[in-house]
Protein backbone atom coordinates (compact mmCIF):
# COMPACT_ATOMS: atom_id res chain seq x y z
CA UNK A 1 13.68 15.66 -9.92
CA UNK A 2 11.10 15.11 -12.71
CA UNK A 3 8.71 12.30 -12.86
CA UNK A 4 8.40 10.63 -16.34
CA UNK A 5 5.70 7.91 -16.05
CA UNK A 6 3.99 5.76 -18.89
CA UNK A 7 0.79 3.81 -18.76
CA UNK A 8 -1.66 2.52 -21.28
CA UNK A 9 -5.42 3.91 -21.33
CA UNK A 10 -7.89 1.38 -19.85
CA UNK A 11 -4.92 -0.61 -17.85
CA UNK A 12 -4.74 -1.23 -13.91
CA UNK A 13 -1.56 0.54 -12.99
CA UNK A 14 0.78 1.23 -10.06
CA UNK A 15 3.64 3.84 -9.32
CA UNK A 16 5.90 3.76 -6.46
CA UNK A 17 6.56 7.24 -5.18
CA UNK A 18 9.58 8.36 -3.11
CA UNK A 19 9.66 11.18 -0.41
CA UNK A 20 13.78 11.88 -0.34
CA UNK A 21 15.76 14.72 1.15
CA UNK A 22 18.19 16.75 -0.96
CA UNK A 23 20.81 14.04 -0.64
CA UNK A 24 18.70 11.20 -2.03
CA UNK A 25 17.98 9.63 1.34
CA UNK A 26 14.49 8.60 2.22
CA UNK A 27 12.55 10.61 4.45
CA UNK A 28 10.35 8.88 7.26
CA UNK A 29 7.03 10.15 6.45
CA UNK A 30 5.07 8.78 9.92
CA UNK A 31 4.21 12.06 10.98
CA UNK A 32 3.25 13.53 7.71
CA UNK A 33 -0.79 14.19 7.39
CA UNK A 34 -1.66 13.52 3.71
CA UNK A 35 -0.50 13.19 0.31
CA UNK A 36 -1.87 13.82 -3.02
CA UNK A 37 -0.65 12.45 -6.87
CA UNK A 38 -2.47 14.78 -9.28
CA UNK A 39 -2.76 14.53 -13.58
CA UNK A 40 -4.15 17.45 -15.19
CA UNK A 41 -4.21 18.42 -18.85
CA UNK A 42 -2.56 21.70 -18.37
CA UNK A 43 -1.22 23.54 -15.29
CA UNK A 44 -3.68 25.93 -15.36
CA UNK A 45 -6.35 23.52 -14.57
CA UNK A 46 -8.17 23.38 -11.31
CA UNK A 47 -7.95 20.41 -8.79
CA UNK A 48 -11.77 19.82 -10.23
CA UNK A 49 -10.65 19.73 -13.75
CA UNK A 50 -7.85 16.95 -13.20
CA UNK A 51 -7.84 13.99 -15.23
CA UNK A 52 -7.71 12.62 -11.79
CA UNK A 53 -6.38 13.16 -7.96
CA UNK A 54 -5.56 10.24 -5.63
CA UNK A 55 -4.89 11.06 -2.03
CA UNK A 56 -4.21 9.35 1.23
CA UNK A 57 -5.46 7.43 3.26
CA UNK A 58 -8.34 5.90 1.20
CA UNK A 59 -8.39 7.93 -2.13
CA UNK A 60 -5.78 5.91 -4.06
CA UNK A 61 -2.73 6.20 -2.34
CA UNK A 62 -1.23 3.96 -0.02
CA UNK A 63 1.74 4.29 2.57
CA UNK A 64 3.68 1.38 1.47
CA UNK A 65 6.82 2.00 3.92
CA UNK A 66 6.78 5.32 6.28
CA UNK A 67 10.19 4.69 7.24
CA UNK A 68 11.05 4.54 3.64
CA UNK A 69 9.15 7.38 2.29
CA UNK A 70 7.40 4.94 0.07
CA UNK A 71 3.94 5.88 -1.24
CA UNK A 72 2.04 3.77 -3.95
CA UNK A 73 -0.20 5.32 -6.27
CA UNK A 74 -2.73 3.13 -7.42
CA UNK A 75 -4.38 3.74 -10.94
CA UNK A 76 -7.70 2.03 -11.69
CA UNK A 77 -8.72 1.54 -14.82
CA UNK A 78 -11.70 3.25 -14.31
CA UNK A 79 -9.81 6.61 -13.95
CA UNK A 80 -8.48 6.39 -17.83
CA UNK A 81 -11.36 4.70 -19.74
CA UNK A 82 -12.83 8.08 -20.53
CA UNK A 83 -10.13 9.42 -22.00
CA UNK A 84 -9.72 9.75 -25.77
CA UNK A 85 -8.02 6.63 -27.33
CA UNK A 86 -4.93 8.47 -28.29
CA UNK A 87 -1.13 9.15 -27.13
CA UNK A 88 -1.43 11.89 -24.56
CA UNK A 89 0.85 13.92 -22.46
CA UNK A 90 -0.51 15.07 -19.15
CA UNK A 91 1.09 16.95 -16.25
CA UNK A 92 1.62 15.82 -12.67
CA UNK A 93 2.62 16.34 -9.21
CA UNK A 94 3.32 14.63 -6.18
CA UNK A 95 2.48 16.41 -2.74
CA UNK A 96 2.40 15.87 0.89
CA UNK A 97 1.35 17.96 4.16
CA UNK A 98 4.71 17.84 6.18
CA UNK A 99 4.66 17.42 10.03
CA UNK A 100 4.72 21.17 10.53
CA UNK A 101 1.75 21.74 8.35
CA UNK A 102 3.26 23.01 5.02
CA UNK A 103 2.05 21.61 1.53
CA UNK A 104 5.15 20.41 -0.19
CA UNK A 105 5.60 19.76 -3.82
CA UNK A 106 7.87 16.30 -3.90
CA UNK A 107 8.01 15.70 -7.57
CA UNK A 108 6.44 16.78 -10.59
CA UNK A 109 6.71 15.64 -14.25
CA UNK A 110 4.50 14.10 -16.72
CA UNK A 111 2.29 11.00 -17.68
CA UNK A 112 2.33 9.76 -21.24
CA UNK A 113 -0.62 7.86 -21.86
CA UNK A 114 -0.44 5.36 -24.67
CA UNK A 115 -3.78 4.32 -26.50
CA UNK A 116 -5.19 0.87 -26.23
CA UNK A 117 -5.97 -1.76 -28.77
CA UNK A 118 -8.69 -3.72 -26.71
CA UNK A 119 -11.79 -2.14 -25.88
CA UNK A 120 -13.75 -4.81 -24.06
CA UNK A 121 -12.60 -6.69 -21.25
CA UNK A 122 -14.57 -9.74 -19.79
């Protein structure tokens, strides 16, 4: 699968992500260790060079339904405000640490960031 997400620079945005098996059935993630949602300018960028990286349990990713395999990515506006105000396409992936301690790339794709018209918000 490939994720294709869109958002506007400077907005607060939430994305629901799902851990599914090969048949498309939700995986119970109760015993999984951690999840990461990483957005980068290029595949070769290090995690330190990422546009942003969210993680569980308290880094912008929250488990919405463990039995339903649902994780919510909460992108705060402060993460996108420093970016140039123009249309950009970033690379992303969603990874998890399974119960056996293996890091799994659950999905990957693109985040398209649209420019914002309003710069000041009260």
